[in-house]
PDB file of N, CA and C in Angstrom:
ATOM      1  N   MET A   1       0.827  -1.169   0.000  1.00  0.00           N
ATOM      2  CA  MET A   1       0.000   0.000   0.000  1.00  0.00           C
ATOM      3  C   MET A   1       0.874   1.235   0.000  1.00  0.00           C
ATOM      4  N   ILE A   2       0.389   2.222  -0.668  1.00  0.00           N
ATOM      5  CA  ILE A   2       1.124   3.475  -0.712  1.00  0.00           C
ATOM      6  C   ILE A   2       0.293   4.527  -0.001  1.00  0.00           C
ATOM      7  N   ASP A   3       0.936   5.144   0.969  1.00  0.00           N
ATOM      8  CA  ASP A   3       0.251   6.185   1.726  1.00  0.00           C
ATOM      9  C   ASP A   3       1.160   7.410   1.750  1.00  0.00           C
ATOM     10  N   ASN A   4       0.707   8.470   1.180  1.00  0.00           N
ATOM     11  CA  ASN A   4       1.476   9.714   1.090  1.00  0.00           C
ATOM     12  C   ASN A   4       2.784   9.534   0.326  1.00  0.00           C
ATOM     13  N   GLY A   5       2.783   8.694  -0.677  1.00  0.00           N
ATOM     14  CA  GLY A   5       3.963   8.515  -1.514  1.00  0.00           C
ATOM     15  C   GLY A   5       5.012   7.578  -0.935  1.00  0.00           C
ATOM     16  N   LEU A   6       4.765   6.973   0.197  1.00  0.00           N
ATOM     17  CA  LEU A   6       5.728   6.051   0.796  1.00  0.00           C
ATOM     18  C   LEU A   6       5.176   4.635   0.720  1.00  0.00           C
ATOM     19  N   GLU A   7       6.083   3.709   0.455  1.00  0.00           N
ATOM     20  CA  GLU A   7       5.652   2.319   0.402  1.00  0.00           C
ATOM     21  C   GLU A   7       5.564   1.746   1.794  1.00  0.00           C
ATOM     22  N   ASP A   8       4.659   0.817   1.951  1.00  0.00           N
ATOM     23  CA  ASP A   8       4.546   0.120   3.227  1.00  0.00           C
ATOM     24  C   ASP A   8       5.614  -0.962   3.269  1.00  0.00           C
ATOM     25  N   THR A   9       6.589  -0.785   4.144  1.00  0.00           N
ATOM     26  CA  THR A   9       7.696  -1.740   4.200  1.00  0.00           C
ATOM     27  C   THR A   9       7.441  -2.857   5.191  1.00  0.00           C
ATOM     28  N   LYS A  10       6.337  -2.791   5.895  1.00  0.00           N
ATOM     29  CA  LYS A  10       6.026  -3.870   6.829  1.00  0.00           C
ATOM     30  C   LYS A  10       5.451  -5.038   6.049  1.00  0.00           C
ATOM     31  N   LYS A  11       6.113  -6.149   6.141  1.00  0.00           N
ATOM     32  CA  LYS A  11       5.630  -7.343   5.454  1.00  0.00           C
ATOM     33  C   LYS A  11       5.268  -8.380   6.497  1.00  0.00           C
ATOM     34  N   LEU A  12       4.388  -9.231   6.126  1.00  0.00           N
ATOM     35  CA  LEU A  12       4.013 -10.301   7.034  1.00  0.00           C
ATOM     36  C   LEU A  12       5.169 -11.287   7.143  1.00  0.00           C
ATOM     37  N   PHE A  13       5.377 -11.784   8.344  1.00  0.00           N
ATOM     38  CA  PHE A  13       6.432 -12.779   8.555  1.00  0.00           C
ATOM     39  C   PHE A  13       5.946 -14.120   8.054  1.00  0.00           C
ATOM     40  N   ILE A  14       6.680 -14.662   7.092  1.00  0.00           N
ATOM     41  CA  ILE A  14       6.348 -15.964   6.536  1.00  0.00           C
ATOM     42  C   ILE A  14       7.456 -16.917   6.950  1.00  0.00           C
ATOM     43  N   PRO A  15       7.156 -17.907   7.780  1.00  0.00           N
ATOM     44  CA  PRO A  15       8.212 -18.829   8.220  1.00  0.00           C
ATOM     45  C   PRO A  15       8.726 -19.657   7.042  1.00  0.00           C
ATOM     46  N   ARG A  16      10.040 -19.834   7.012  1.00  0.00           N
ATOM     47  CA  ARG A  16      10.650 -20.627   5.944  1.00  0.00           C
ATOM     48  C   ARG A  16      10.519 -22.101   6.262  1.00  0.00           C
ATOM     49  N   LYS A  17      10.424 -22.879   5.206  1.00  0.00           N
ATOM     50  CA  LYS A  17      10.406 -24.319   5.397  1.00  0.00           C
ATOM     51  C   LYS A  17      11.791 -24.762   5.859  1.00  0.00           C
ATOM     52  N   GLN A  18      11.821 -25.805   6.630  1.00  0.00           N
ATOM     53  CA  GLN A  18      13.103 -26.303   7.108  1.00  0.00           C
ATOM     54  C   GLN A  18      13.922 -26.781   5.912  1.00  0.00           C
ATOM     55  N   SER A  19      15.157 -26.320   5.848  1.00  0.00           N
ATOM     56  CA  SER A  19      15.985 -26.653   4.698  1.00  0.00           C
ATOM     57  C   SER A  19      16.494 -28.087   4.805  1.00  0.00           C
ATOM     58  N   LYS A  20      16.845 -28.626   3.666  1.00  0.00           N
ATOM     59  CA  LYS A  20      17.430 -29.964   3.624  1.00  0.00           C
ATOM     60  C   LYS A  20      18.833 -29.899   4.185  1.00  0.00           C
ATOM     61  N   GLY A  21      19.384 -31.032   4.523  1.00  0.00           N
ATOM     62  CA  GLY A  21      20.749 -31.062   5.034  1.00  0.00           C
ATOM     63  C   GLY A  21      20.752 -31.389   6.507  1.00  0.00           C
ATOM     64  N   GLY A  22      21.629 -30.754   7.211  1.00  0.00           N
ATOM     65  CA  GLY A  22      21.741 -31.002   8.636  1.00  0.00           C
ATOM     66  C   GLY A  22      22.432 -32.328   8.900  1.00  0.00           C
ATOM     67  N   TRP A  23      22.023 -32.989   9.956  1.00  0.00           N
ATOM     68  CA  TRP A  23      22.692 -34.232  10.352  1.00  0.00           C
ATOM     69  C   TRP A  23      22.428 -35.376   9.388  1.00  0.00           C
ATOM     70  N   ASN A  24      21.291 -35.383   8.709  1.00  0.00           N
ATOM     71  CA  ASN A  24      21.046 -36.462   7.740  1.00  0.00           C
ATOM     72  C   ASN A  24      22.087 -36.438   6.629  1.00  0.00           C
ATOM     73  N   ALA A  25      22.374 -35.271   6.118  1.00  0.00           N
ATOM     74  CA  ALA A  25      23.378 -35.150   5.066  1.00  0.00           C
ATOM     75  C   ALA A  25      24.770 -35.424   5.611  1.00  0.00           C
ATOM     76  N   ALA A  26      25.054 -34.973   6.823  1.00  0.00           N
ATOM     77  CA  ALA A  26      26.375 -35.186   7.409  1.00  0.00           C
ATOM     78  C   ALA A  26      26.634 -36.665   7.655  1.00  0.00           C
ATOM     79  N   ILE A  27      25.647 -37.381   8.138  1.00  0.00           N
ATOM     80  CA  ILE A  27      25.815 -38.820   8.371  1.00  0.00           C
ATOM     81  C   ILE A  27      26.053 -39.537   7.052  1.00  0.00           C
ATOM     82  N   PHE A  28      25.347 -39.155   6.010  1.00  0.00           N
ATOM     83  CA  PHE A  28      25.556 -39.765   4.700  1.00  0.00           C
ATOM     84  C   PHE A  28      26.970 -39.513   4.196  1.00  0.00           C
ATOM     85  N   ILE A  29      27.458 -38.289   4.319  1.00  0.00           N
ATOM     86  CA  ILE A  29      28.808 -37.959   3.851  1.00  0.00           C
ATOM     87  C   ILE A  29      29.854 -38.718   4.659  1.00  0.00           C
ATOM     88  N   ILE A  30      29.682 -38.794   5.973  1.00  0.00           N
ATOM     89  CA  ILE A  30      30.623 -39.535   6.816  1.00  0.00           C
ATOM     90  C   ILE A  30      30.621 -41.006   6.439  1.00  0.00           C
ATOM     91  N   PHE A  31      29.457 -41.581   6.214  1.00  0.00           N
ATOM     92  CA  PHE A  31      29.361 -42.989   5.820  1.00  0.00           C
ATOM     93  C   PHE A  31      30.071 -43.240   4.492  1.00  0.00           C
ATOM     94  N   VAL A  32      29.870 -42.370   3.525  1.00  0.00           N
ATOM     95  CA  VAL A  32      30.514 -42.532   2.217  1.00  0.00           C
ATOM     96  C   VAL A  32      32.028 -42.436   2.352  1.00  0.00           C
ATOM     97  N   GLU A  33      32.524 -41.517   3.171  1.00  0.00           N
ATOM     98  CA  GLU A  33      33.967 -41.376   3.366  1.00  0.00           C
ATOM     99  C   GLU A  33      34.564 -42.593   4.063  1.00  0.00           C
ATOM    100  N   VAL A  34      33.869 -43.156   5.044  1.00  0.00           N
ATOM    101  CA  VAL A  34      34.359 -44.357   5.729  1.00  0.00           C
ATOM    102  C   VAL A  34      34.424 -45.528   4.760  1.00  0.00           C
ATOM    103  N   VAL A  35      33.394 -45.693   3.960  1.00  0.00           N
ATOM    104  CA  VAL A  35      33.386 -46.784   2.977  1.00  0.00           C
ATOM    105  C   VAL A  35      34.505 -46.584   1.950  1.00  0.00           C
ATOM    106  N   GLU A  36      34.721 -45.351   1.534  1.00  0.00           N
ATOM    107  CA  GLU A  36      35.792 -45.070   0.569  1.00  0.00           C
ATOM    108  C   GLU A  36      37.157 -45.405   1.154  1.00  0.00           C
ATOM    109  N   ARG A  37      37.394 -45.094   2.401  1.00  0.00           N
ATOM    110  CA  ARG A  37      38.672 -45.418   3.062  1.00  0.00           C
ATOM    111  C   ARG A  37      38.853 -46.930   3.178  1.00  0.00           C
ATOM    112  N   PHE A  38      37.791 -47.656   3.542  1.00  0.00           N
ATOM    113  CA  PHE A  38      37.887 -49.111   3.620  1.00  0.00           C
ATOM    114  C   PHE A  38      38.239 -49.712   2.265  1.00  0.00           C
ATOM    115  N   THR A  39      37.609 -49.237   1.210  1.00  0.00           N
ATOM    116  CA  THR A  39      37.901 -49.792  -0.111  1.00  0.00           C
ATOM    117  C   THR A  39      39.315 -49.427  -0.565  1.00  0.00           C
ATOM    118  N   PHE A  40      39.763 -48.226  -0.268  1.00  0.00           N
ATOM    119  CA  PHE A  40      41.113 -47.816  -0.658  1.00  0.00           C
ATOM    120  C   PHE A  40      42.163 -48.668   0.036  1.00  0.00           C
ATOM    121  N   CYS A  41      42.022 -48.847   1.344  1.00  0.00           N
ATOM    122  CA  CYS A  41      42.994 -49.661   2.097  1.00  0.00           C
ATOM    123  C   CYS A  41      42.903 -51.129   1.708  1.00  0.00           C
ATOM    124  N   GLY A  42      41.702 -51.618   1.489  1.00  0.00           N
ATOM    125  CA  GLY A  42      41.542 -53.013   1.063  1.00  0.00           C
ATOM    126  C   GLY A  42      42.135 -53.259  -0.303  1.00  0.00           C
ATOM    127  N   LEU A  43      41.950 -52.324  -1.211  1.00  0.00           N
ATOM    128  CA  LEU A  43      42.520 -52.457  -2.543  1.00  0.00           C
ATOM    129  C   LEU A  43      44.039 -52.396  -2.499  1.00  0.00           C
ATOM    130  N   ALA A  44      44.588 -51.516  -1.675  1.00  0.00           N
ATOM    131  CA  ALA A  44      46.044 -51.399  -1.570  1.00  0.00           C
ATOM    132  C   ALA A  44      46.660 -52.676  -1.011  1.00  0.00           C
ATOM    133  N   SER A  45      46.025 -53.261  -0.010  1.00  0.00           N
ATOM    134  CA  SER A  45      46.589 -54.488   0.561  1.00  0.00           C
ATOM    135  C   SER A  45      46.427 -55.667  -0.381  1.00  0.00           C
ATOM    136  N   ASN A  46      45.331 -55.745  -1.102  1.00  0.00           N
ATOM    137  CA  ASN A  46      45.148 -56.844  -2.048  1.00  0.00           C
ATOM    138  C   ASN A  46      45.977 -56.656  -3.310  1.00  0.00           C
ATOM    139  N   LEU A  47      46.323 -55.432  -3.625  1.00  0.00           N
ATOM    140  CA  LEU A  47      47.109 -55.165  -4.827  1.00  0.00           C
ATOM    141  C   LEU A  47      48.505 -55.760  -4.719  1.00  0.00           C
ATOM    142  N   ILE A  48      49.101 -55.744  -3.551  1.00  0.00           N
ATOM    143  CA  ILE A  48      50.436 -56.309  -3.396  1.00  0.00           C
ATOM    144  C   ILE A  48      50.403 -57.821  -3.553  1.00  0.00           C
ATOM    145  N   VAL A  49      49.340 -58.438  -3.074  1.00  0.00           N
ATOM    146  CA  VAL A  49      49.189 -59.886  -3.243  1.00  0.00           C
ATOM    147  C   VAL A  49      48.992 -60.216  -4.716  1.00  0.00           C
ATOM    148  N   TYR A  50      48.190 -59.426  -5.404  1.00  0.00           N
ATOM    149  CA  TYR A  50      47.955 -59.652  -6.832  1.00  0.00           C
ATOM    150  C   TYR A  50      49.240 -59.490  -7.639  1.00  0.00           C
ATOM    151  N   LEU A  51      50.001 -58.448  -7.339  1.00  0.00           N
ATOM    152  CA  LEU A  51      51.233 -58.206  -8.090  1.00  0.00           C
ATOM    153  C   LEU A  51      52.269 -59.297  -7.857  1.00  0.00           C
ATOM    154  N   THR A  52      52.336 -59.831  -6.655  1.00  0.00           N
ATOM    155  CA  THR A  52      53.341 -60.870  -6.386  1.00  0.00           C
ATOM    156  C   THR A  52      52.880 -62.243  -6.854  1.00  0.00           C
ATOM    157  N   ASP A  53      51.617 -62.587  -6.663  1.00  0.00           N
ATOM    158  CA  ASP A  53      51.145 -63.938  -7.008  1.00  0.00           C
ATOM    159  C   ASP A  53      50.775 -64.081  -8.478  1.00  0.00           C
ATOM    160  N   GLU A  54      49.990 -63.163  -9.002  1.00  0.00           N
ATOM    161  CA  GLU A  54      49.489 -63.295 -10.371  1.00  0.00           C
ATOM    162  C   GLU A  54      50.467 -62.772 -11.408  1.00  0.00           C
ATOM    163  N   LEU A  55      51.089 -61.635 -11.134  1.00  0.00           N
ATOM    164  CA  LEU A  55      52.006 -61.048 -12.109  1.00  0.00           C
ATOM    165  C   LEU A  55      53.462 -61.429 -11.849  1.00  0.00           C
ATOM    166  N   HIS A  56      53.713 -62.185 -10.770  1.00  0.00           N
ATOM    167  CA  HIS A  56      55.038 -62.717 -10.427  1.00  0.00           C
ATOM    168  C   HIS A  56      56.099 -61.625 -10.328  1.00  0.00           C
ATOM    169  N   GLU A  57      55.737 -60.514  -9.730  1.00  0.00           N
ATOM    170  CA  GLU A  57      56.710 -59.456  -9.474  1.00  0.00           C
ATOM    171  C   GLU A  57      57.404 -59.733  -8.147  1.00  0.00           C
ATOM    172  N   PRO A  58      58.657 -59.341  -8.030  1.00  0.00           N
ATOM    173  CA  PRO A  58      59.302 -59.455  -6.709  1.00  0.00           C
ATOM    174  C   PRO A  58      58.590 -58.547  -5.703  1.00  0.00           C
ATOM    175  N   THR A  59      58.684 -58.895  -4.437  1.00  0.00           N
ATOM    176  CA  THR A  59      57.975 -58.152  -3.399  1.00  0.00           C
ATOM    177  C   THR A  59      58.412 -56.690  -3.343  1.00  0.00           C
ATOM    178  N   SER A  60      59.697 -56.439  -3.543  1.00  0.00           N
ATOM    179  CA  SER A  60      60.179 -55.054  -3.482  1.00  0.00           C
ATOM    180  C   SER A  60      59.600 -54.208  -4.618  1.00  0.00           C
ATOM    181  N   ILE A  61      59.524 -54.773  -5.813  1.00  0.00           N
ATOM    182  CA  ILE A  61      58.950 -54.043  -6.958  1.00  0.00           C
ATOM    183  C   ILE A  61      57.447 -53.843  -6.750  1.00  0.00           C
ATOM    184  N   ALA A  62      56.763 -54.876  -6.239  1.00  0.00           N
ATOM    185  CA  ALA A  62      55.325 -54.762  -5.992  1.00  0.00           C
ATOM    186  C   ALA A  62      55.050 -53.692  -4.936  1.00  0.00           C
ATOM    187  N   ALA A  63      55.853 -53.647  -3.879  1.00  0.00           N
ATOM    188  CA  ALA A  63      55.675 -52.626  -2.846  1.00  0.00           C
ATOM    189  C   ALA A  63      55.934 -51.230  -3.413  1.00  0.00           C
ATOM    190  N   LYS A  64      56.949 -51.113  -4.284  1.00  0.00           N
ATOM    191  CA  LYS A  64      57.232 -49.815  -4.915  1.00  0.00           C
ATOM    192  C   LYS A  64      56.060 -49.372  -5.782  1.00  0.00           C
ATOM    193  N   ASN A  65      55.492 -50.315  -6.541  1.00  0.00           N
ATOM    194  CA  ASN A  65      54.359 -49.980  -7.407  1.00  0.00           C
ATOM    195  C   ASN A  65      53.127 -49.578  -6.596  1.00  0.00           C
ATOM    196  N   VAL A  66      52.872 -50.274  -5.495  1.00  0.00           N
ATOM    197  CA  VAL A  66      51.722 -49.935  -4.652  1.00  0.00           C
ATOM    198  C   VAL A  66      51.937 -48.576  -3.998  1.00  0.00           C
ATOM    199  N   ASN A  67      53.151 -48.296  -3.529  1.00  0.00           N
ATOM    200  CA  ASN A  67      53.431 -46.988  -2.933  1.00  0.00           C
ATOM    201  C   ASN A  67      53.305 -45.872  -3.958  1.00  0.00           C
ATOM    202  N   THR A  68      53.724 -46.131  -5.191  1.00  0.00           N
ATOM    203  CA  THR A  68      53.560 -45.144  -6.258  1.00  0.00           C
ATOM    204  C   THR A  68      52.085 -44.888  -6.529  1.00  0.00           C
ATOM    205  N   TRP A  69      51.296 -45.963  -6.554  1.00  0.00           N
ATOM    206  CA  TRP A  69      49.860 -45.837  -6.789  1.00  0.00           C
ATOM    207  C   TRP A  69      49.200 -45.032  -5.671  1.00  0.00           C
ATOM    208  N   ILE A  70      49.588 -45.286  -4.418  1.00  0.00           N
ATOM    209  CA  ILE A  70      49.020 -44.553  -3.290  1.00  0.00           C
ATOM    210  C   ILE A  70      49.412 -43.074  -3.370  1.00  0.00           C
ATOM    211  N   GLY A  71      50.673 -42.808  -3.703  1.00  0.00           N
ATOM    212  CA  GLY A  71      51.123 -41.421  -3.816  1.00  0.00           C
ATOM    213  C   GLY A  71      50.398 -40.659  -4.907  1.00  0.00           C
ATOM    214  N   VAL A  72      50.240 -41.295  -6.060  1.00  0.00           N
ATOM    215  CA  VAL A  72      49.530 -40.646  -7.173  1.00  0.00           C
ATOM    216  C   VAL A  72      48.062 -40.434  -6.807  1.00  0.00           C
ATOM    217  N   SER A  73      47.471 -41.404  -6.112  1.00  0.00           N
ATOM    218  CA  SER A  73      46.068 -41.270  -5.700  1.00  0.00           C
ATOM    219  C   SER A  73      45.867 -40.126  -4.719  1.00  0.00           C
ATOM    220  N   CYS A  74      46.885 -39.818  -3.928  1.00  0.00           N
ATOM    221  CA  CYS A  74      46.770 -38.726  -2.959  1.00  0.00           C
ATOM    222  C   CYS A  74      47.079 -37.365  -3.581  1.00  0.00           C
ATOM    223  N   VAL A  75      47.921 -37.330  -4.615  1.00  0.00           N
ATOM    224  CA  VAL A  75      48.332 -36.052  -5.203  1.00  0.00           C
ATOM    225  C   VAL A  75      47.372 -35.593  -6.300  1.00  0.00           C
ATOM    226  N   PHE A  76      46.811 -36.514  -7.067  1.00  0.00           N
ATOM    227  CA  PHE A  76      45.967 -36.125  -8.194  1.00  0.00           C
ATOM    228  C   PHE A  76      44.742 -35.300  -7.818  1.00  0.00           C
ATOM    229  N   PRO A  77      44.080 -35.536  -6.675  1.00  0.00           N
ATOM    230  CA  PRO A  77      42.970 -34.636  -6.338  1.00  0.00           C
ATOM    231  C   PRO A  77      43.405 -33.177  -6.185  1.00  0.00           C
ATOM    232  N   ILE A  78      44.617 -32.962  -5.676  1.00  0.00           N
ATOM    233  CA  ILE A  78      45.119 -31.595  -5.532  1.00  0.00           C
ATOM    234  C   ILE A  78      45.387 -30.986  -6.905  1.00  0.00           C
ATOM    235  N   VAL A  79      45.996 -31.771  -7.787  1.00  0.00           N
ATOM    236  CA  VAL A  79      46.263 -31.303  -9.148  1.00  0.00           C
ATOM    237  C   VAL A  79      44.943 -31.036  -9.879  1.00  0.00           C
ATOM    238  N   GLY A  80      43.994 -31.951  -9.729  1.00  0.00           N
ATOM    239  CA  GLY A  80      42.692 -31.768 -10.359  1.00  0.00           C
ATOM    240  C   GLY A  80      41.953 -30.557  -9.840  1.00  0.00           C
ATOM    241  N   ALA A  81      42.062 -30.296  -8.549  1.00  0.00           N
ATOM    242  CA  ALA A  81      41.407 -29.114  -7.974  1.00  0.00           C
ATOM    243  C   ALA A  81      42.033 -27.837  -8.512  1.00  0.00           C
ATOM    244  N   PHE A  82      43.346 -27.825  -8.660  1.00  0.00           N
ATOM    245  CA  PHE A  82      44.014 -26.642  -9.209  1.00  0.00           C
ATOM    246  C   PHE A  82      43.579 -26.392 -10.649  1.00  0.00           C
ATOM    247  N   ILE A  83      43.555 -27.445 -11.455  1.00  0.00           N
ATOM    248  CA  ILE A  83      43.154 -27.300 -12.863  1.00  0.00           C
ATOM    249  C   ILE A  83      41.685 -26.875 -12.957  1.00  0.00           C
ATOM    250  N   ALA A  84      40.847 -27.476 -12.111  1.00  0.00           N
ATOM    251  CA  ALA A  84      39.419 -27.132 -12.150  1.00  0.00           C
ATOM    252  C   ALA A  84      39.189 -25.683 -11.744  1.00  0.00           C
ATOM    253  N   ASP A  85      39.867 -25.233 -10.693  1.00  0.00           N
ATOM    254  CA  ASP A  85      39.652 -23.868 -10.224  1.00  0.00           C
ATOM    255  C   ASP A  85      40.284 -22.833 -11.138  1.00  0.00           C
ATOM    256  N   SER A  86      41.417 -23.170 -11.740  1.00  0.00           N
ATOM    257  CA  SER A  86      42.149 -22.182 -12.531  1.00  0.00           C
ATOM    258  C   SER A  86      41.713 -22.112 -13.986  1.00  0.00           C
ATOM    259  N   TYR A  87      41.405 -23.244 -14.572  1.00  0.00           N
ATOM    260  CA  TYR A  87      41.210 -23.271 -16.022  1.00  0.00           C
ATOM    261  C   TYR A  87      39.828 -23.734 -16.470  1.00  0.00           C
ATOM    262  N   LEU A  88      39.360 -24.861 -15.981  1.00  0.00           N
ATOM    263  CA  LEU A  88      38.172 -25.478 -16.560  1.00  0.00           C
ATOM    264  C   LEU A  88      36.858 -25.026 -15.939  1.00  0.00           C
ATOM    265  N   GLY A  89      36.806 -24.933 -14.656  1.00  0.00           N
ATOM    266  CA  GLY A  89      35.549 -24.651 -13.978  1.00  0.00           C
ATOM    267  C   GLY A  89      34.945 -25.945 -13.457  1.00  0.00           C
ATOM    268  N   ARG A  90      33.994 -25.804 -12.575  1.00  0.00           N
ATOM    269  CA  ARG A  90      33.430 -26.947 -11.875  1.00  0.00           C
ATOM    270  C   ARG A  90      32.721 -27.920 -12.815  1.00  0.00           C
ATOM    271  N   PHE A  91      31.838 -27.425 -13.646  1.00  0.00           N
ATOM    272  CA  PHE A  91      31.024 -28.316 -14.465  1.00  0.00           C
ATOM    273  C   PHE A  91      31.813 -28.930 -15.610  1.00  0.00           C
ATOM    274  N   SER A  92      32.724 -28.192 -16.189  1.00  0.00           N
ATOM    275  CA  SER A  92      33.564 -28.753 -17.259  1.00  0.00           C
ATOM    276  C   SER A  92      34.461 -29.855 -16.721  1.00  0.00           C
ATOM    277  N   THR A  93      34.965 -29.683 -15.506  1.00  0.00           N
ATOM    278  CA  THR A  93      35.810 -30.701 -14.910  1.00  0.00           C
ATOM    279  C   THR A  93      35.028 -31.985 -14.667  1.00  0.00           C
ATOM    280  N   ILE A  94      33.824 -31.862 -14.165  1.00  0.00           N
ATOM    281  CA  ILE A  94      32.991 -33.042 -13.937  1.00  0.00           C
ATOM    282  C   ILE A  94      32.675 -33.707 -15.257  1.00  0.00           C
ATOM    283  N   LEU A  95      32.394 -32.939 -16.284  1.00  0.00           N
ATOM    284  CA  LEU A  95      32.101 -33.495 -17.596  1.00  0.00           C
ATOM    285  C   LEU A  95      33.300 -34.225 -18.180  1.00  0.00           C
ATOM    286  N   VAL A  96      34.498 -33.651 -18.052  1.00  0.00           N
ATOM    287  CA  VAL A  96      35.707 -34.280 -18.576  1.00  0.00           C
ATOM    288  C   VAL A  96      36.064 -35.525 -17.784  1.00  0.00           C
ATOM    289  N   ALA A  97      35.887 -35.457 -16.462  1.00  0.00           N
ATOM    290  CA  ALA A  97      36.240 -36.605 -15.607  1.00  0.00           C
ATOM    291  C   ALA A  97      35.307 -37.769 -15.881  1.00  0.00           C
TER     292      ALA A  97
END
């Protein structure tokens, strides 16, 4: 309503709906991270057995290869984040990946 050329700035308070997220989302994210860690460690331990038994690599070479794989797995997210933030953008990176 306009009274004497001024707008009525009083608005009715409309309560917002409760937003999604909170502890339900946090529990899901924590669960996914725990499962990811279990699979990563399980794969790393089984990889050395596979390299020595199936591919007949010496234990020292198999351990070197597994350590290289773990190192690359830990560094590539940082490299990918730098490339995504600097050059490609969020959606292009997801599309390329």
